[in-house]
Amino acid sequence: MKLNKDIELFVKKLGLAPYNLFGTENHSNGSHYALMDGVNGSFLLSQDASEDVLDNAFNWSWSADVKHHVSVSRDVVTVRKAFSGEKTSFSKKTVLSKLDKFYRYLETDSSTPVVDSIDHVITTFRNFRNSTRYHNALSSFLLLLASYMNRYSESYDDFVKNQGGLCLKYGIDVNGIETVSADVLQRFNDELRFNRRMERNLELGITIRHAGGMLFQEAQTALSNTNCQLTLYGFSNAKASLPNLANGGYYTPQGIARSLTEAAVGNHLFAPKLTILDPACGSGTFLCESVRTLQRLGYMGEIELIGVDISSDAIEMARFSVSCAKADWPEAHIRFQLHNSDFLSISPEEMACDIVLTNPPFQSWASMNSETRSVVERIMSPYVKGRPDLSMAFTQRSIDVLRAGGTLATILPVGVLTSDLAKKWRSVLAGEHTIDLISLLGDHTLFRYASVNISTLIVQKKNPTVDSRLTMLWADESNNAAANALRNLRVLDWVPGREVHSTANYWNIYNMRQQDLMSRANWTPNSTGIGPLIEDIKSTTLTTVGDFFSVKQGIRPGNRDLFIVSCNYYSSLPENEQRCFKPIAEKDAISCGQVTPVDYIFYPIPQPATEQELAERCPSYYRDVLSPNKMLLASRARKNDDNYWVLSEPRSWMFDGQPRIISKSFYRKDGFVLDADCEYAIVQGFGWILKSSIIASLNSGSKELIVDLLKLYLAVFNSDIFTSIAMEYSSRLRGGYLEVANKYMKPIPLPDLTDLSAHHPSMIKQAGEILDLFDQGQPLGSLLKNKFTASAYQTSLDDWNVVI
C-alpha cells in the first residue's frame, strides 16, 4: 500500500496498520484510511478532504467502531470525536513533532457510545429474527446485508432480481433463504440505516470491513439466544447477550488476530502460492485478516483459505465475511473452502498448508465429553501423561498439518505455557521447531466480555539452530498495555529472529536463546525481561542455588484448622502450655525481611508419648480441640488412636537448631526472612538450609559465620534482581507470583559469597553495610540490595530493568 509522507509518518511512528477506509469504493475527495491497533487507539485518518465530505466523518468512525476521526490539511490536524460530536483542531506541525503525545490524547479518551455500531447491527438482526420468526433467519439476514451494501435494497424489485447473484457472490445458502416481503425489507433498511439514539447513519461497508470480526462473532452470540420475544423494529434497546463460553470458545480479538497474521505471513510473502488454515475459524476473523494483511503488504501470489468449525452458523458467517474481504481485493487470486466439521477428526494430509492462524477452544479435560477426550488422548499421548487441554491438541495437530517451513500463529491459555503437565510437550516443541514469538497478554480490554489472560505462540516448522533466538513479549492487566506492546513490535519493524528490546511500565519486549527457553520450568515472558543478560550470568556464575542450599518444604499439618491456632487463642493459654506451640512464618506474616506471627502451630518438643501425657502437658488445647476431634484426626493416613495428635508431616529438621532462611510458597517481592535461632515453624513455605559442605568450609561451621553468610544471601534473595532471574526459571501464577519450590529454585544461578575477597572491593563494602544494618535491626533498602546483588553477579545496576 502506497502512502503519502504524512500518513506514513503516522503509521511508522505509532506502529499502526493502515487500511483503505472504503476498500474498492473510490472516493474522489481526499485520501481516507483506517489506522488500526486493536482496542482504544485505532482511528480513522483523512487527508486533503473538503469540509462537506468530512461532515460524514462522525458516521464513518462510529460505523468503524473507533472513537476518533483525524483529518490532516495543509496546516491543521482536526480531531472529531465519534460519540460526542466534538471537534478540536491542532497545529499540524505540533502534532507531527509530538505524535506519541497526540496518540496518548486519543487513547485516553474515556468516552463511550450510548449504542455502538456493533450493537446497532446486532439489535437490527435480533429484531428481524424475532419479528419474522424465520426458521433460518441468518441466511436471510446475510442476504439483506449484502443487498444493502450493493444498493439493491432501495427497490424491492431490484432486491428480488439480484438475490441469486448476491447469494453466489457472498456464499449465502440460497436454499436457506426465506421469502422477505417488501414491508420487512423496508423496515429492516430503515432500522439499519440510522440509529436514533446516537443520531448516526450506518456505513455498513465500513463496519464489515473494519469491525467485521467483532460483528460476526456477536451475531454468533445472538444466534445462541433462543428468546424470541416479539419486538417492533426500532424499539429494542437490548444489547447482545453474553456469549456462552462453556465449550471453551473465547472470541478472537481482532487486534490480536491482526498482529499474529502480520507476523505469520511475513516469512512467506515471496511464495508463489499460500495455503492458510484456521482449524477453529468461527466467523472467519483470522481468514479475513489474512486477506486484508496480504493485500496491505502487497502479496502477488495465489491464496487458498481453509476454515474448519463445528458450528454450521459460524461457517455460514465465515463464508459471508471472507467473501466480503475477497470482494475488496478483486484483482487477487483467492480461493477458499470452509468445512463444517471437527478439525481433530480430519486426517492431517487433507489439511496440508503453509500457515495456520487460530484461536483454538480453551477447554479443560473435565469439560470434554468422552469422545473428545479419546481424540485428544490419541493426539497428545506421545507428549503428555495426564489430562491435556483441548487447545494443546489443536496446537499439536496444527503443527502436524504444516508443510516444512510453515508457520503456526495461535492464541493459547496461559496454563499451556506454565503447567508441569505440558512440560514434555513444550520441550519437544522447542527441540524440533523454531519458536519465533511468545507473548503473555493480561489486558482484559482485549475481549468484549471475558476477563482472561491469554498468551500467543508463533512457531516455524523447521529445526532450530544453536543460535536460534525468539522474542518474548509481556503486557500486564492495564488497559491498552497489550495493544501498545503489539504496536511497538511494528515500530521496531520486528521480524522473526531480529534482536529487539523495548520496555515501558506496563509491557516489555526482549529476546532470548531458544536453548535457554528449553531449560525453563515455564515459557511465560516476564516484566523484567532480562533476555540476553541471563546468558552472561550463566557464563560468569557457574554455581547455582542447588550448590549452596537444600530447599525443603515446610510442615504439612494434616488438618490446618485444628493444629493451627490464632494469636488470641495462643495468648489465652497458660505459659507452660504455650511452650507446646511455635510461631508460624508464612504468607503475610513475612514482610520486608521481618516476621510478625499471626498464627501458631501445635508442635510440642518432645512429642507426648501417650494421650495421658498429652492431656497433662496441654490441658486446655486437649480439652478444646484435640479430644473432641479425636476420631477425625485418627482417621488420617498413618495415624491412629495412639498418635492422632501428631502432625501429618512434622519435618524432623524443623527445629534442629540449624540457622536457615525461610521463604513464602509464592512471592513477588521480599518473600524471604532469616531465622537465625530456628525460632519459627515453616508451614506454607520453604526452609533454605545451607548444605553441610558449605558449612564445613566456614571455619568449621561457626554459627556466627553461617548467620552472616545467610544475611548476605537474604539480601540477594530479597532483591529485585534475583526476582528477575527467578522469573526465568520458576512457574508464575496469576498476579505475577513466583512459585518457590526446589525443582524451580535449584538451577537458578547463585554467586558464591563464602569468600568475599574474590569479589570487587565495592561489593565487600556493600556487604559490610548489609551486616551493619542487620546488627542495628534496620531494614535493608532496595538500592543497597540491588547494588550488592548486581555486583555479586558481575554486572552493574544499569544492566537491570529494575525500579528502585
Foldseek 3Di string as FASTA:
>chain_A
DDDDDVVVLLCQVQLWFWDFLQQPDDDPFWGKIWTDLFFQQTEIETERGDPVVCVQVLQSCLQLVYQWYWYDYDFKIWIAGNQPRDIDIDTPVVCSVPVVVVSVVRRPPPDDHLAGLLQLLLVLLLQLCLAVVQPLSLLQSLLLLLCVLVVQLVDPVSSVVCSVVSCVLLVRDPVSHDDDDNVSSVLSCVSNQAQPRRRHGHPNLSNLLNVVQVNQVLNVQQVVDPDRHHDDRPPDPDGRDDHDCLQQDFRARLSLLLLLLLQQCPVPLPPQEFEEEEAAQFLNSNVLSNLRNNVSVVRAHAYEYEYEHQDPSRQNNNSRSNSSSCVSPVVHHYHYDYYNDRSLVDDLQVQAGQEYEYEDGFAWQVSDDPVLQVSQCVQCVVFFDDTDTSVVSVVSSVLVNYDAFGKYKYKAAQCCQAPLRNLRVVLVQLQQWAWAEKEWEQAQSSGPDDRGIIMMTMITRHGDDQARKYKYKYFHHDHCRVSSRSSVCSNVVDHGPDADWDADPGMTMGMAGSVLCSQANGNHQDRFCLHCVLVLLVVQQVAALQVWWDKAAFFAQQDCVQFKDFPVVLVPFPPQQNQQKAFAAEDPLFDLQHGDGGMIGRHHVPDDQAVVSVCVRHVVSCVPGCVVCVVVQQPDPPHHNRPSVGGPGRDPCQQPQAKWKKAYQKDQARRIYTDLRSRHGYHRTITIGTDPVLCCVQVRNDSVLVRLVRLLVSLQCRAPVQSVQLVSHFRADPPGIGGDDCNRRGGRRDFDPSDCVVFDPVLVVLSVVSVVCVVVVHRDDNVSSLQNNCRSSVHGSVSTPDDD
